[in-house]
């Protein structure tokens, strides 16, 4: 079990990262589309641009839920699944450095989900 201060730091840290990533997708501040594997984009029933906006909305909501203590555990579980999907996608396009970073974010999300 994490001590309350550690839990707060992980919850706020991951929550802010996810929230800000979501906002950058909604407002197209970063070209996130370049990180989508061709095999994945071929599965989408809509454009990558629409997917990025939807992803941004989901990430913004999950970021807020991570910050709010009562919903942290549930948001962390969602984050775990989301981040594993992101890591798999990144590995398939050879973005190993970014996949490694997101694997670290997954470890934080898993820690919050299990506590």
N, C-alpha and C. Protein backbone atom coordinates (compact mmCIF):
# COMPACT_ATOMS: atom_id res chain seq x y z
N UNK A 1 0.84 -1.18 0.00
CA UNK A 1 0.00 0.00 0.00
C UNK A 1 0.88 1.24 0.00
N UNK A 2 0.54 2.17 -0.86
CA UNK A 2 1.30 3.42 -0.94
C UNK A 2 0.95 4.33 0.23
N UNK A 3 1.93 5.08 0.68
CA UNK A 3 1.59 6.08 1.68
C UNK A 3 0.82 7.21 0.98
N UNK A 4 0.03 7.96 1.71
CA UNK A 4 -0.85 8.98 1.09
C UNK A 4 -0.11 10.01 0.24
N UNK A 5 1.08 10.42 0.65
CA UNK A 5 1.82 11.41 -0.12
C UNK A 5 2.27 10.84 -1.47
N UNK A 6 2.75 9.60 -1.46
CA UNK A 6 3.17 8.96 -2.71
C UNK A 6 1.98 8.78 -3.65
N UNK A 7 0.86 8.36 -3.09
CA UNK A 7 -0.36 8.19 -3.89
C UNK A 7 -0.76 9.52 -4.52
N UNK A 8 -0.71 10.59 -3.76
CA UNK A 8 -1.06 11.92 -4.26
C UNK A 8 -0.14 12.34 -5.40
N UNK A 9 1.15 12.13 -5.23
CA UNK A 9 2.12 12.52 -6.26
C UNK A 9 1.90 11.73 -7.54
N UNK A 10 1.71 10.42 -7.43
CA UNK A 10 1.48 9.59 -8.62
C UNK A 10 0.16 9.95 -9.29
N UNK A 11 -0.87 10.14 -8.51
CA UNK A 11 -2.20 10.46 -9.02
C UNK A 11 -2.21 11.80 -9.74
N UNK A 12 -1.62 12.83 -9.12
CA UNK A 12 -1.57 14.14 -9.75
C UNK A 12 -0.64 14.15 -10.96
N UNK A 13 0.48 13.48 -10.84
CA UNK A 13 1.44 13.43 -11.95
C UNK A 13 0.86 12.76 -13.18
N UNK A 14 0.35 11.55 -13.00
CA UNK A 14 -0.23 10.83 -14.14
C UNK A 14 -1.47 11.54 -14.64
N UNK A 15 -2.29 12.03 -13.73
CA UNK A 15 -3.51 12.73 -14.13
C UNK A 15 -3.21 13.95 -14.99
N UNK A 16 -2.22 14.74 -14.60
CA UNK A 16 -1.87 15.92 -15.39
C UNK A 16 -1.27 15.56 -16.74
N UNK A 17 -0.44 14.53 -16.78
CA UNK A 17 0.15 14.09 -18.05
C UNK A 17 -0.94 13.64 -19.01
N UNK A 18 -1.86 12.81 -18.52
CA UNK A 18 -2.94 12.30 -19.37
C UNK A 18 -3.88 13.44 -19.79
N UNK A 19 -4.21 14.32 -18.85
CA UNK A 19 -5.07 15.46 -19.15
C UNK A 19 -4.45 16.35 -20.23
N UNK A 20 -3.18 16.70 -20.06
CA UNK A 20 -2.51 17.57 -21.03
C UNK A 20 -2.34 16.89 -22.39
N UNK A 21 -2.06 15.58 -22.38
CA UNK A 21 -1.97 14.85 -23.65
C UNK A 21 -3.31 14.89 -24.37
N UNK A 22 -4.38 14.73 -23.62
CA UNK A 22 -5.72 14.79 -24.21
C UNK A 22 -6.01 16.15 -24.81
N UNK A 23 -5.66 17.21 -24.10
CA UNK A 23 -5.92 18.56 -24.61
C UNK A 23 -5.11 18.85 -25.87
N UNK A 24 -3.87 18.35 -25.92
CA UNK A 24 -3.07 18.58 -27.13
C UNK A 24 -3.67 17.86 -28.34
N UNK A 25 -4.35 16.75 -28.09
CA UNK A 25 -5.02 16.03 -29.19
C UNK A 25 -6.29 16.75 -29.63
N UNK A 26 -7.06 17.23 -28.68
CA UNK A 26 -8.30 17.94 -29.02
C UNK A 26 -8.00 19.19 -29.85
N UNK A 27 -6.98 19.93 -29.45
CA UNK A 27 -6.66 21.20 -30.11
C UNK A 27 -5.55 21.07 -31.16
N UNK A 28 -5.17 19.84 -31.50
CA UNK A 28 -4.16 19.57 -32.54
C UNK A 28 -2.87 20.36 -32.34
N UNK A 29 -2.38 20.38 -31.10
CA UNK A 29 -1.14 21.12 -30.80
C UNK A 29 0.11 20.33 -31.14
N UNK A 30 -0.04 19.02 -31.26
CA UNK A 30 1.08 18.13 -31.62
C UNK A 30 0.56 17.21 -32.71
N UNK A 31 1.42 16.85 -33.64
CA UNK A 31 1.02 15.96 -34.73
C UNK A 31 1.04 14.51 -34.24
N UNK A 32 0.07 14.16 -33.42
CA UNK A 32 -0.02 12.80 -32.88
C UNK A 32 -0.32 11.77 -33.96
N UNK A 33 -0.93 12.21 -35.04
CA UNK A 33 -1.33 11.30 -36.12
C UNK A 33 -0.15 10.54 -36.69
N UNK A 34 1.03 11.14 -36.64
CA UNK A 34 2.22 10.49 -37.19
C UNK A 34 2.65 9.27 -36.36
N UNK A 35 2.09 9.12 -35.18
CA UNK A 35 2.43 7.99 -34.32
C UNK A 35 1.45 6.82 -34.46
N UNK A 36 0.49 6.95 -35.34
CA UNK A 36 -0.48 5.88 -35.54
C UNK A 36 0.03 4.91 -36.60
N UNK A 37 0.07 3.63 -36.25
CA UNK A 37 0.53 2.61 -37.19
C UNK A 37 -0.47 2.46 -38.34
N UNK A 38 0.04 2.26 -39.56
CA UNK A 38 -0.87 2.09 -40.71
C UNK A 38 -1.88 0.96 -40.51
N UNK A 39 -1.45 -0.14 -39.89
CA UNK A 39 -2.38 -1.26 -39.70
C UNK A 39 -3.54 -0.84 -38.80
N UNK A 40 -3.25 0.04 -37.82
CA UNK A 40 -4.31 0.48 -36.91
C UNK A 40 -5.25 1.46 -37.61
N UNK A 41 -4.68 2.39 -38.36
CA UNK A 41 -5.55 3.37 -39.04
C UNK A 41 -6.45 2.69 -40.07
N UNK A 42 -6.00 1.57 -40.62
CA UNK A 42 -6.84 0.85 -41.59
C UNK A 42 -8.04 0.18 -40.91
N UNK A 43 -7.98 0.00 -39.60
CA UNK A 43 -9.09 -0.60 -38.85
C UNK A 43 -10.16 0.42 -38.46
N UNK A 44 -9.81 1.69 -38.51
CA UNK A 44 -10.73 2.74 -38.06
C UNK A 44 -11.86 2.96 -39.06
N UNK A 45 -13.08 3.12 -38.55
CA UNK A 45 -14.21 3.40 -39.44
C UNK A 45 -14.33 4.89 -39.79
N UNK A 46 -13.38 5.70 -39.31
CA UNK A 46 -13.37 7.14 -39.57
C UNK A 46 -11.92 7.59 -39.70
N UNK A 47 -11.72 8.87 -39.97
CA UNK A 47 -10.37 9.39 -40.21
C UNK A 47 -9.53 9.40 -38.93
N UNK A 48 -8.22 9.45 -39.12
CA UNK A 48 -7.31 9.53 -37.97
C UNK A 48 -7.55 10.83 -37.20
N UNK A 49 -7.89 11.91 -37.91
CA UNK A 49 -8.16 13.18 -37.24
C UNK A 49 -9.32 13.06 -36.25
N UNK A 50 -10.37 12.38 -36.67
CA UNK A 50 -11.52 12.16 -35.77
C UNK A 50 -11.09 11.27 -34.61
N UNK A 51 -10.30 10.24 -34.88
CA UNK A 51 -9.80 9.37 -33.83
C UNK A 51 -8.99 10.15 -32.80
N UNK A 52 -8.16 11.08 -33.26
CA UNK A 52 -7.35 11.88 -32.36
C UNK A 52 -8.22 12.76 -31.46
N UNK A 53 -9.26 13.35 -32.02
CA UNK A 53 -10.17 14.18 -31.21
C UNK A 53 -10.88 13.32 -30.18
N UNK A 54 -11.38 12.15 -30.60
CA UNK A 54 -12.05 11.24 -29.66
C UNK A 54 -11.08 10.75 -28.57
N UNK A 55 -9.85 10.45 -28.98
CA UNK A 55 -8.82 10.04 -28.02
C UNK A 55 -8.55 11.17 -27.03
N UNK A 56 -8.48 12.38 -27.54
CA UNK A 56 -8.23 13.54 -26.70
C UNK A 56 -9.34 13.74 -25.67
N UNK A 57 -10.57 13.56 -26.09
CA UNK A 57 -11.70 13.69 -25.16
C UNK A 57 -11.61 12.62 -24.08
N UNK A 58 -11.35 11.37 -24.50
CA UNK A 58 -11.22 10.28 -23.52
C UNK A 58 -10.07 10.56 -22.56
N UNK A 59 -8.92 10.95 -23.07
CA UNK A 59 -7.76 11.18 -22.22
C UNK A 59 -7.99 12.36 -21.27
N UNK A 60 -8.66 13.40 -21.75
CA UNK A 60 -8.95 14.54 -20.88
C UNK A 60 -9.85 14.11 -19.73
N UNK A 61 -10.88 13.35 -20.04
CA UNK A 61 -11.78 12.87 -18.98
C UNK A 61 -11.07 11.93 -18.01
N UNK A 62 -10.27 11.03 -18.54
CA UNK A 62 -9.54 10.09 -17.67
C UNK A 62 -8.53 10.85 -16.81
N UNK A 63 -7.89 11.87 -17.37
CA UNK A 63 -6.96 12.68 -16.59
C UNK A 63 -7.64 13.34 -15.41
N UNK A 64 -8.83 13.89 -15.66
CA UNK A 64 -9.60 14.51 -14.57
C UNK A 64 -9.98 13.46 -13.53
N UNK A 65 -10.41 12.29 -13.99
CA UNK A 65 -10.80 11.23 -13.06
C UNK A 65 -9.61 10.69 -12.26
N UNK A 66 -8.43 10.71 -12.85
CA UNK A 66 -7.23 10.29 -12.12
C UNK A 66 -6.92 11.27 -10.98
N UNK A 67 -7.11 12.54 -11.25
CA UNK A 67 -6.81 13.56 -10.24
C UNK A 67 -7.80 13.50 -9.08
N UNK A 68 -9.06 13.24 -9.38
CA UNK A 68 -10.10 13.18 -8.35
C UNK A 68 -9.95 11.87 -7.58
N UNK A 69 -9.67 11.94 -6.31
CA UNK A 69 -9.28 10.77 -5.51
C UNK A 69 -10.30 9.62 -5.55
N UNK A 70 -11.59 9.94 -5.52
CA UNK A 70 -12.61 8.88 -5.48
C UNK A 70 -12.66 8.03 -6.74
N UNK A 71 -12.20 8.57 -7.86
CA UNK A 71 -12.29 7.84 -9.12
C UNK A 71 -10.92 7.40 -9.66
N UNK A 72 -9.87 7.61 -8.88
CA UNK A 72 -8.52 7.30 -9.35
C UNK A 72 -8.37 5.85 -9.77
N UNK A 73 -8.83 4.93 -8.95
CA UNK A 73 -8.65 3.50 -9.24
C UNK A 73 -9.26 3.11 -10.58
N UNK A 74 -10.49 3.56 -10.83
CA UNK A 74 -11.19 3.21 -12.08
C UNK A 74 -10.52 3.85 -13.29
N UNK A 75 -10.11 5.11 -13.13
CA UNK A 75 -9.41 5.80 -14.21
C UNK A 75 -8.05 5.15 -14.47
N UNK A 76 -7.40 4.67 -13.44
CA UNK A 76 -6.11 4.01 -13.60
C UNK A 76 -6.26 2.70 -14.36
N UNK A 77 -7.34 1.98 -14.11
CA UNK A 77 -7.60 0.73 -14.84
C UNK A 77 -7.80 1.03 -16.33
N UNK A 78 -8.59 2.06 -16.63
CA UNK A 78 -8.78 2.48 -18.02
C UNK A 78 -7.44 2.87 -18.64
N UNK A 79 -6.64 3.61 -17.88
CA UNK A 79 -5.32 4.05 -18.36
C UNK A 79 -4.42 2.87 -18.67
N UNK A 80 -4.47 1.83 -17.85
CA UNK A 80 -3.64 0.64 -18.09
C UNK A 80 -3.94 0.04 -19.46
N UNK A 81 -5.21 -0.18 -19.74
CA UNK A 81 -5.58 -0.76 -21.03
C UNK A 81 -5.22 0.17 -22.19
N UNK A 82 -5.49 1.45 -22.02
CA UNK A 82 -5.20 2.44 -23.05
C UNK A 82 -3.70 2.50 -23.33
N UNK A 83 -2.89 2.53 -22.27
CA UNK A 83 -1.44 2.64 -22.43
C UNK A 83 -0.83 1.39 -23.06
N UNK A 84 -1.35 0.22 -22.73
CA UNK A 84 -0.84 -1.00 -23.36
C UNK A 84 -1.12 -0.96 -24.86
N UNK A 85 -2.31 -0.49 -25.23
CA UNK A 85 -2.62 -0.33 -26.65
C UNK A 85 -1.67 0.64 -27.33
N UNK A 86 -1.38 1.74 -26.66
CA UNK A 86 -0.45 2.73 -27.21
C UNK A 86 0.94 2.13 -27.36
N UNK A 87 1.40 1.40 -26.35
CA UNK A 87 2.73 0.78 -26.41
C UNK A 87 2.82 -0.21 -27.57
N UNK A 88 1.80 -1.04 -27.74
CA UNK A 88 1.81 -2.00 -28.85
C UNK A 88 1.88 -1.25 -30.18
N UNK A 89 1.06 -0.22 -30.32
CA UNK A 89 1.07 0.58 -31.55
C UNK A 89 2.46 1.16 -31.79
N UNK A 90 3.07 1.76 -30.77
CA UNK A 90 4.38 2.39 -30.91
C UNK A 90 5.47 1.37 -31.26
N UNK A 91 5.40 0.19 -30.68
CA UNK A 91 6.39 -0.84 -30.99
C UNK A 91 6.31 -1.27 -32.45
N UNK A 92 5.09 -1.29 -32.99
CA UNK A 92 4.93 -1.74 -34.38
C UNK A 92 5.43 -0.71 -35.40
N UNK A 93 5.58 0.56 -34.99
CA UNK A 93 6.14 1.56 -35.91
C UNK A 93 7.60 1.86 -35.60
N UNK A 94 8.17 1.14 -34.63
CA UNK A 94 9.59 1.31 -34.31
C UNK A 94 9.90 2.49 -33.41
N UNK A 95 8.90 3.04 -32.75
CA UNK A 95 9.11 4.17 -31.83
C UNK A 95 9.41 3.62 -30.43
N UNK A 96 10.53 2.93 -30.32
CA UNK A 96 10.87 2.22 -29.09
C UNK A 96 11.09 3.15 -27.90
N UNK A 97 11.67 4.32 -28.15
CA UNK A 97 11.93 5.26 -27.06
C UNK A 97 10.63 5.77 -26.45
N UNK A 98 9.66 6.08 -27.27
CA UNK A 98 8.38 6.58 -26.78
C UNK A 98 7.59 5.44 -26.14
N UNK A 99 7.72 4.24 -26.71
CA UNK A 99 7.05 3.07 -26.12
C UNK A 99 7.59 2.80 -24.72
N UNK A 100 8.89 2.98 -24.54
CA UNK A 100 9.50 2.77 -23.22
C UNK A 100 8.97 3.79 -22.22
N UNK A 101 8.84 5.05 -22.63
CA UNK A 101 8.27 6.08 -21.77
C UNK A 101 6.84 5.71 -21.38
N UNK A 102 6.05 5.29 -22.35
CA UNK A 102 4.65 4.96 -22.07
C UNK A 102 4.53 3.68 -21.23
N UNK A 103 5.51 2.81 -21.31
CA UNK A 103 5.54 1.65 -20.43
C UNK A 103 5.74 2.10 -18.99
N UNK A 104 6.54 3.13 -18.79
CA UNK A 104 6.70 3.73 -17.45
C UNK A 104 5.41 4.33 -16.95
N UNK A 105 4.67 5.02 -17.83
CA UNK A 105 3.36 5.55 -17.45
C UNK A 105 2.40 4.42 -17.11
N UNK A 106 2.49 3.32 -17.86
CA UNK A 106 1.67 2.14 -17.55
C UNK A 106 1.98 1.63 -16.15
N UNK A 107 3.26 1.60 -15.78
CA UNK A 107 3.64 1.12 -14.43
C UNK A 107 3.02 2.01 -13.34
N UNK A 108 2.99 3.31 -13.59
CA UNK A 108 2.35 4.22 -12.63
C UNK A 108 0.86 3.95 -12.56
N UNK A 109 0.22 3.80 -13.73
CA UNK A 109 -1.22 3.52 -13.76
C UNK A 109 -1.53 2.20 -13.06
N UNK A 110 -0.71 1.18 -13.28
CA UNK A 110 -0.92 -0.11 -12.64
C UNK A 110 -0.77 0.01 -11.13
N UNK A 111 0.21 0.76 -10.69
CA UNK A 111 0.39 0.99 -9.25
C UNK A 111 -0.84 1.63 -8.65
N UNK A 112 -1.38 2.64 -9.31
CA UNK A 112 -2.59 3.31 -8.81
C UNK A 112 -3.81 2.37 -8.86
N UNK A 113 -3.87 1.55 -9.88
CA UNK A 113 -5.00 0.62 -10.01
C UNK A 113 -4.99 -0.44 -8.91
N UNK A 114 -3.80 -0.84 -8.49
CA UNK A 114 -3.69 -1.90 -7.48
C UNK A 114 -3.72 -1.39 -6.06
N UNK A 115 -3.72 -0.09 -5.87
CA UNK A 115 -3.73 0.48 -4.51
C UNK A 115 -5.05 1.14 -4.19
